[in-house]
Amino acid sequence: MRIVKHLLTYLLWTMLSLLMGIVYMRLLLGDIAEDESIGGFGYLLKVFYLHGLFFIGLPFGAIIALLFIATDWFFLSKKRKPKTNRTLMRIALLLVITVIVAIVHYVLEVVIDVI
């Protein structure tokens, strides 16, 4: 039963990480223009926008989830005291990992121009 509880907990954190990746891509891509201002290509632009949002955002979320689970499993689970608030510590860790992934993405895309 303990293993199932851990798996469900990490599944929840993985879903949250995938959502963080999609939100990051949403912030990066910005808003899509209204259909009336674009013209006849509005539908096609919206399809490409949504595909880009999910096909790029989900791998970012998967990277965040992989780093989060590895950090939580190897470092936090062994050093955590029983009385500390685990959820707040994990949320802070998830946000820090998201910021690190965003900085690495920015450096690779804009500064080094690899992506």
Protein backbone atom coordinates (compact mmCIF):
# COMPACT_ATOMS: atom_id res chain seq x y z
CA MET A 1 0.00 0.00 0.00
CA ARG A 2 2.92 2.31 0.71
CA ILE A 3 4.28 1.86 -2.81
CA VAL A 4 0.90 2.67 -4.35
CA LYS A 5 0.71 5.82 -2.24
CA HIS A 6 4.17 6.91 -3.44
CA LEU A 7 3.27 6.19 -7.06
CA LEU A 8 0.05 8.19 -6.84
CA THR A 9 1.87 11.05 -5.14
CA TYR A 10 4.52 11.16 -7.84
CA LEU A 11 1.82 10.89 -10.52
CA LEU A 12 0.19 13.99 -9.07
CA TRP A 13 3.51 15.84 -9.01
CA THR A 14 4.21 14.72 -12.58
CA MET A 15 0.86 16.09 -13.75
CA LEU A 16 1.64 19.37 -11.99
CA SER A 17 5.06 19.46 -13.66
CA LEU A 18 3.52 18.91 -17.09
CA LEU A 19 1.11 21.73 -16.37
CA MET A 20 4.05 23.95 -15.36
CA GLY A 21 5.71 23.20 -18.71
CA ILE A 22 2.56 24.17 -20.61
CA VAL A 23 2.17 27.35 -18.53
CA TYR A 24 5.81 28.23 -19.23
CA MET A 25 5.24 27.86 -22.97
CA ARG A 26 2.04 29.91 -22.70
CA LEU A 27 4.02 32.71 -21.05
CA LEU A 28 6.73 32.40 -23.68
CA LEU A 29 4.38 32.39 -26.69
CA GLY A 30 2.00 35.05 -25.39
CA ASP A 31 -1.57 35.60 -26.44
CA ILE A 32 -2.90 34.60 -29.82
CA ALA A 33 -4.57 37.33 -31.85
CA GLU A 34 -8.31 37.34 -32.37
CA ASP A 35 -9.71 35.62 -35.45
CA GLU A 36 -11.18 38.84 -36.85
CA SER A 37 -7.85 40.67 -36.87
CA ILE A 38 -5.94 37.85 -38.56
CA GLY A 39 -8.17 37.16 -41.52
CA GLY A 40 -8.77 33.81 -43.19
CA PHE A 41 -5.69 32.17 -41.73
CA GLY A 42 -6.91 32.54 -38.14
CA TYR A 43 -7.94 28.92 -37.78
CA LEU A 44 -4.63 27.64 -39.16
CA LEU A 45 -2.68 29.97 -36.89
CA LYS A 46 -4.66 28.82 -33.87
CA VAL A 47 -3.99 25.16 -34.73
CA PHE A 48 -0.24 25.78 -35.03
CA TYR A 49 -0.28 27.79 -31.81
CA LEU A 50 -2.02 25.04 -29.84
CA HIS A 51 0.19 22.31 -31.32
CA GLY A 52 3.29 24.32 -30.44
CA LEU A 53 1.94 24.93 -26.97
CA PHE A 54 1.49 21.22 -26.27
CA PHE A 55 4.28 19.67 -28.35
CA ILE A 56 6.89 21.98 -26.85
CA GLY A 57 5.31 22.52 -23.42
CA LEU A 58 4.89 18.84 -22.59
CA PRO A 59 8.59 17.96 -23.09
CA PHE A 60 9.50 20.91 -20.89
CA GLY A 61 7.10 19.58 -18.28
CA ALA A 62 8.60 16.10 -18.62
CA ILE A 63 12.08 17.50 -18.02
CA ILE A 64 10.80 19.37 -14.97
CA ALA A 65 9.08 16.21 -13.69
CA LEU A 66 12.19 14.07 -14.19
CA LEU A 67 14.40 16.55 -12.35
CA PHE A 68 11.82 16.98 -9.59
CA ILE A 69 11.34 13.27 -8.97
CA ALA A 70 15.08 12.60 -9.01
CA THR A 71 15.76 15.45 -6.59
CA ASP A 72 12.90 14.49 -4.32
CA TRP A 73 13.77 10.81 -4.30
CA PHE A 74 17.53 11.07 -3.83
CA PHE A 75 17.92 14.19 -1.71
CA LEU A 76 14.76 15.35 0.01
CA SER A 77 13.34 11.99 1.09
CA LYS A 78 16.52 11.13 2.99
CA LYS A 79 17.22 14.51 4.57
CA ARG A 80 13.69 15.51 5.45
CA LYS A 81 12.73 15.73 9.09
CA PRO A 82 9.35 14.31 10.06
CA LYS A 83 7.95 17.61 11.34
CA THR A 84 8.74 19.74 8.30
CA ASN A 85 5.99 20.65 5.89
CA ARG A 86 6.68 18.39 2.94
CA THR A 87 4.15 19.88 0.56
CA LEU A 88 5.50 23.42 0.81
CA MET A 89 9.03 22.13 0.40
CA ARG A 90 8.05 20.19 -2.72
CA ILE A 91 6.18 23.15 -4.22
CA ALA A 92 9.22 25.36 -3.64
CA LEU A 93 11.44 22.70 -5.21
CA LEU A 94 9.12 22.45 -8.23
CA LEU A 95 9.19 26.22 -8.72
CA VAL A 96 12.98 26.36 -8.40
CA ILE A 97 13.42 23.56 -10.94
CA THR A 98 10.99 25.31 -13.31
CA VAL A 99 12.99 28.54 -13.05
CA ILE A 100 16.25 26.65 -13.67
CA VAL A 101 14.81 24.92 -16.75
CA ALA A 102 13.51 28.28 -18.03
CA ILE A 103 16.94 29.90 -17.55
CA VAL A 104 18.69 27.02 -19.33
CA HIS A 105 16.15 27.26 -22.16
CA TYR A 106 16.73 31.01 -22.46
CA VAL A 107 20.50 30.61 -22.51
CA LEU A 108 20.35 27.85 -25.13
CA GLU A 109 17.83 29.66 -27.34
CA VAL A 110 18.87 33.30 -27.14
CA VAL A 111 22.44 33.53 -25.89
CA ILE A 112 24.11 30.50 -27.48
CA ASP A 113 21.53 30.11 -30.30
CA VAL A 114 21.52 26.31 -30.24
CA ILE A 115 17.77 25.77 -30.25
